[in-house]
Protein backbone atom coordinates (compact mmCIF):
# COMPACT_ATOMS: atom_id res chain seq x y z
CA TRP A 1 253.57 133.53 163.93
CA LEU A 2 254.60 136.90 165.46
CA ARG A 3 254.37 137.77 169.12
CA GLY A 4 251.77 135.05 169.77
CA ARG A 5 249.50 135.87 166.79
CA TRP A 6 249.24 134.72 163.15
CA SER A 7 250.81 137.22 160.79
CA PRO A 8 250.69 137.27 157.01
CA VAL A 9 253.83 139.18 156.63
CA GLY A 10 256.22 137.48 154.21
CA CYS A 11 253.76 134.82 152.92
CA ASN A 12 251.39 134.84 149.88
CA VAL A 13 248.97 132.20 148.68
CA ILE A 14 249.88 130.95 145.26
CA ALA A 15 247.07 130.48 142.57
CA ASP A 16 248.04 126.74 142.37
CA SER A 17 246.06 126.15 145.53
CA LYS A 18 243.16 123.80 145.36
CA ASP A 19 240.34 122.54 147.65
CA LYS A 20 242.57 120.16 149.75
CA ASP A 21 245.95 121.74 149.22
CA VAL A 22 247.15 125.28 150.05
CA HIS A 23 250.40 126.39 148.43
CA CYS A 24 252.21 129.40 149.80
CA GLN A 25 255.27 131.31 148.86
CA CYS A 26 257.12 132.66 151.83
CA SER A 27 260.40 134.69 152.26
CA HIS A 28 261.12 133.10 155.67
CA VAL A 29 261.02 129.82 157.52
CA SER A 30 258.47 129.71 160.26
CA ILE A 31 255.24 128.02 161.61
CA PHE A 32 252.61 128.08 158.89
CA GLY A 33 248.84 127.64 159.05
CA ALA A 34 246.04 127.91 156.58
CA ALA A 35 242.32 127.86 156.93
CA PHE A 36 239.58 127.54 154.27
CA PRO A 37 235.84 127.19 154.59
CA VAL A 38 234.29 123.68 154.26
CA PRO A 39 231.23 123.66 152.11
CA PRO A 40 228.04 122.10 153.77
CA HIS A 41 226.94 118.72 152.61
CA GLU A 42 224.42 118.85 149.88
CA ILE A 43 221.06 117.40 150.75
CA ASP A 44 219.45 115.56 147.93
CA PRO A 45 216.42 113.44 149.01
CA PHE A 46 216.09 111.68 145.63
CA ALA A 47 219.63 110.38 145.74
CA ASP A 48 219.01 109.20 149.19
CA ALA A 49 215.88 107.42 148.21
CA LYS A 50 217.86 105.42 145.61
CA LEU A 51 219.95 104.02 148.46
CA PHE A 52 216.84 102.31 149.74
CA LEU A 53 216.60 100.26 146.60
CA THR A 54 219.95 98.72 147.34
CA VAL A 55 218.94 97.33 150.71
CA LEU A 56 218.51 93.87 149.30
CA ASP A 57 222.14 93.75 148.18
CA ASN A 58 223.10 92.88 151.80
CA PRO A 59 220.64 90.53 153.34
CA LEU A 60 222.49 90.09 156.56
CA VAL A 61 222.10 93.78 157.52
CA VAL A 62 218.40 93.57 156.36
CA ALA A 63 217.93 90.44 158.73
CA LEU A 64 219.71 92.17 161.66
CA VAL A 65 217.60 95.29 161.40
CA LEU A 66 214.30 93.21 161.14
CA ALA A 67 215.35 91.10 164.18
CA MET A 68 216.12 94.19 166.28
CA LEU A 69 212.84 95.75 165.22
CA LEU A 70 210.93 92.52 166.03
CA LEU A 71 212.69 92.41 169.40
CA TYR A 72 211.75 95.88 170.14
CA LEU A 73 208.10 95.26 169.36
CA VAL A 74 207.98 92.13 171.40
CA SER A 75 209.64 94.06 174.36
CA CYS A 76 207.04 96.81 174.02
CA VAL A 77 204.19 94.40 174.19
CA PHE A 78 205.66 92.48 177.00
CA LEU A 79 206.26 95.69 179.04
CA TRP A 80 202.95 97.08 178.27
CA ARG A 81 201.28 94.03 179.72
CA LEU A 82 203.53 94.27 182.84
CA ASP A 83 202.40 97.80 183.25
CA LYS A 84 198.79 96.93 183.08
CA TYR A 85 199.38 94.19 185.74
CA ASP A 86 201.35 96.71 187.83
CA LYS A 87 198.52 99.25 187.56
CA ILE A 88 196.13 96.58 188.96
CA GLN A 89 198.50 95.90 191.88
CA ARG A 90 198.78 99.54 192.83
CA THR A 91 195.12 100.05 193.82
CA VAL A 92 193.80 101.00 197.19
CA LEU A 93 192.04 98.14 198.88
CA VAL A 94 189.19 98.88 201.25
CA LEU A 95 189.24 96.25 204.00
CA ASP A 96 186.28 94.15 204.48
CA ASP A 97 186.28 94.38 208.26
CA ASN A 98 185.95 98.21 208.29
CA PHE A 99 183.05 99.54 210.35
CA PRO A 100 180.81 101.93 208.26
CA GLY A 101 180.94 104.48 211.18
CA SER A 102 184.60 104.66 211.55
CA LYS A 103 185.89 108.15 212.12
CA TYR A 104 189.49 108.02 210.89
CA PRO A 105 190.60 106.48 207.52
CA TYR A 106 194.12 105.33 207.21
CA LEU A 107 196.23 104.59 204.16
CA ILE A 108 198.80 101.76 204.83
CA ALA A 109 201.40 100.67 202.40
CA VAL A 110 202.87 97.26 202.80
CA TYR A 111 206.27 96.72 201.09
CA THR A 112 207.82 93.26 200.96
CA SER A 113 210.84 93.73 198.62
CA SER A 114 211.85 94.97 195.19
CA ARG A 115 212.97 91.41 194.11
CA LEU A 116 210.95 89.34 191.65
CA ASN A 117 207.99 87.30 193.32
CA ALA A 118 208.97 88.88 196.71
CA GLY A 119 205.37 88.89 198.00
CA THR A 120 203.98 86.76 200.70
CA THR A 121 201.41 84.04 200.94
CA ALA A 122 200.84 84.55 204.63
CA HIS A 123 197.80 86.37 206.04
CA VAL A 124 199.03 89.97 206.96
CA ALA A 125 197.34 91.69 209.83
CA LEU A 126 197.95 94.94 211.53
CA ARG A 127 196.94 96.84 214.67
CA ILE A 128 197.32 100.51 214.96
CA THR A 129 198.43 101.51 218.53
CA GLY A 130 198.37 105.05 219.86
CA THR A 131 199.00 106.63 223.43
CA MET A 132 195.33 106.47 224.40
CA SER A 133 194.06 103.35 222.73
CA SER A 134 194.69 100.80 220.04
CA SER A 135 192.59 99.53 217.07
CA ARG A 136 191.31 95.94 216.62
CA VAL A 137 193.22 93.72 214.38
CA HIS A 138 192.72 94.28 210.65
CA VAL A 139 193.50 91.46 208.19
CA LEU A 140 194.80 92.77 204.93
């Protein structure tokens, strides 16, 4: 380490160095550092396939993975059914008391709450009021 940079002056790598150990012969005492390339992991699909044959050696892990897979599949079916129900609930409802000759269509959104079963069993009605006039009562 010389003036803030690594310097090889006074140190030589000995041939005794191996993959995990680096041996140096230095003529001074200082801070030392060594670097060497790490080879990439070898990918062998046949050796990996042999590992799948040892799955039954640990039945607890197999049972846990199968239970998680079953829970995932049951959750997918349950949520798919909820999505179908939600799609039915998100339709535009044409009111039965509309006149065929009405000039202005309105799209009204009724929001009760985001809690579970937060709807209402009451008969909801509305009247649109403007500066010149107001509409008749519409039952939703």
